[in-house]
Amino acid sequence: MKTSLLRILIITATLLLIPAVGSLISEEVHWSRSDYVIGGVLLMTFLAGLEIVFHWVKGTLRWILCLGVILAFVLVWAELAVGIFGTPFAGS
């Protein structure tokens, strides 16, 4: 369990380094602290969901649930990024 959590934290931190480096290199990347927090929570939830599915579910259902977790992650990320559904979570 500890190795799974450590792996999730390392992958999340590594992925969050991409916009951090981008903001240092370019002025087009504008992430606030809340963006990093929300992105980190979203990534950790996504990775934990995949971890749970891979450890507790067997067979074809595993792949269906993995696709569901991936689809949910992509839809939430897209909504937060550009507001494809027009919810208040998209920001202004």
Protein backbone atom coordinates (compact mmCIF):
# COMPACT_ATOMS: atom_id res chain seq x y z
CA MET A 1 0.00 0.00 0.00
CA LYS A 2 2.83 2.41 0.83
CA THR A 3 4.55 1.76 -2.49
CA SER A 4 1.33 2.47 -4.39
CA LEU A 5 0.84 5.76 -2.57
CA LEU A 6 4.48 6.71 -3.09
CA ARG A 7 4.22 5.86 -6.80
CA ILE A 8 1.06 7.97 -7.12
CA LEU A 9 2.72 10.93 -5.39
CA ILE A 10 5.87 10.69 -7.54
CA ILE A 11 3.90 10.48 -10.80
CA THR A 12 1.68 13.40 -9.76
CA ALA A 13 4.64 15.57 -8.79
CA THR A 14 6.44 14.70 -12.02
CA LEU A 15 3.42 15.57 -14.15
CA LEU A 16 2.93 18.85 -12.29
CA LEU A 17 6.52 19.78 -13.10
CA ILE A 18 5.51 20.15 -16.76
CA PRO A 19 3.42 23.33 -16.27
CA ALA A 20 5.89 24.57 -13.64
CA VAL A 21 8.75 24.41 -16.13
CA GLY A 22 6.47 25.81 -18.82
CA SER A 23 5.71 28.86 -16.71
CA LEU A 24 9.44 29.45 -16.23
CA ILE A 25 10.18 29.16 -19.95
CA SER A 26 7.14 30.87 -21.47
CA GLU A 27 4.80 33.65 -20.47
CA GLU A 28 1.87 31.78 -22.04
CA VAL A 29 1.57 29.32 -19.13
CA HIS A 30 -0.30 30.97 -16.25
CA TRP A 31 -1.02 28.52 -13.44
CA SER A 32 -1.91 29.83 -9.98
CA ARG A 33 -1.36 27.89 -6.77
CA SER A 34 -4.97 26.77 -6.81
CA ASP A 35 -4.45 25.37 -10.33
CA TYR A 36 -1.60 23.21 -9.03
CA VAL A 37 -3.65 22.06 -6.05
CA ILE A 38 -6.68 21.18 -8.18
CA GLY A 39 -4.50 19.51 -10.80
CA GLY A 40 -2.69 17.52 -8.12
CA VAL A 41 -5.91 16.36 -6.48
CA LEU A 42 -7.37 15.43 -9.86
CA LEU A 43 -4.26 13.48 -10.89
CA MET A 44 -3.97 11.68 -7.55
CA THR A 45 -7.66 10.74 -7.65
CA PHE A 46 -7.28 9.46 -11.21
CA LEU A 47 -4.18 7.40 -10.41
CA ALA A 48 -5.72 6.05 -7.20
CA GLY A 49 -8.84 5.03 -9.14
CA LEU A 50 -6.73 3.13 -11.65
CA GLU A 51 -4.73 1.53 -8.84
CA ILE A 52 -7.93 0.36 -7.12
CA VAL A 53 -9.38 -1.04 -10.33
CA PHE A 54 -6.18 -2.92 -11.20
CA HIS A 55 -5.85 -4.46 -7.73
CA TRP A 56 -9.45 -5.37 -6.94
CA VAL A 57 -11.09 -6.19 -10.28
CA LYS A 58 -10.26 -9.09 -12.59
CA GLY A 59 -11.17 -9.97 -16.16
CA THR A 60 -12.95 -7.90 -18.77
CA LEU A 61 -14.64 -5.74 -16.16
CA ARG A 62 -11.20 -4.39 -15.24
CA TRP A 63 -10.74 -2.83 -18.67
CA ILE A 64 -14.25 -1.43 -18.79
CA LEU A 65 -13.80 0.24 -15.40
CA CYS A 66 -10.37 1.56 -16.43
CA LEU A 67 -11.92 3.14 -19.50
CA GLY A 68 -14.60 4.66 -17.27
CA VAL A 69 -11.98 6.12 -14.91
CA ILE A 70 -10.00 7.50 -17.86
CA LEU A 71 -13.12 8.97 -19.46
CA ALA A 72 -14.18 10.61 -16.20
CA PHE A 73 -10.70 12.09 -15.76
CA VAL A 74 -10.60 13.49 -19.30
CA LEU A 75 -14.09 14.98 -19.03
CA VAL A 76 -13.40 16.66 -15.67
CA TRP A 77 -10.02 17.94 -16.89
CA ALA A 78 -11.55 19.33 -20.09
CA GLU A 79 -14.38 20.97 -18.17
CA LEU A 80 -11.96 22.64 -15.79
CA ALA A 81 -9.66 23.67 -18.64
CA VAL A 82 -12.07 25.05 -21.22
CA GLY A 83 -15.62 24.57 -19.92
CA ILE A 84 -17.04 22.18 -22.52
CA PHE A 85 -20.26 21.70 -20.53
CA GLY A 86 -20.65 25.24 -19.25
CA THR A 87 -20.76 24.43 -15.54
CA PRO A 88 -19.70 27.01 -12.94
CA PHE A 89 -16.58 24.93 -12.25
CA ALA A 90 -15.03 26.04 -15.53
CA GLY A 91 -14.31 29.49 -14.16
CA SER A 92 -14.40 32.67 -16.16
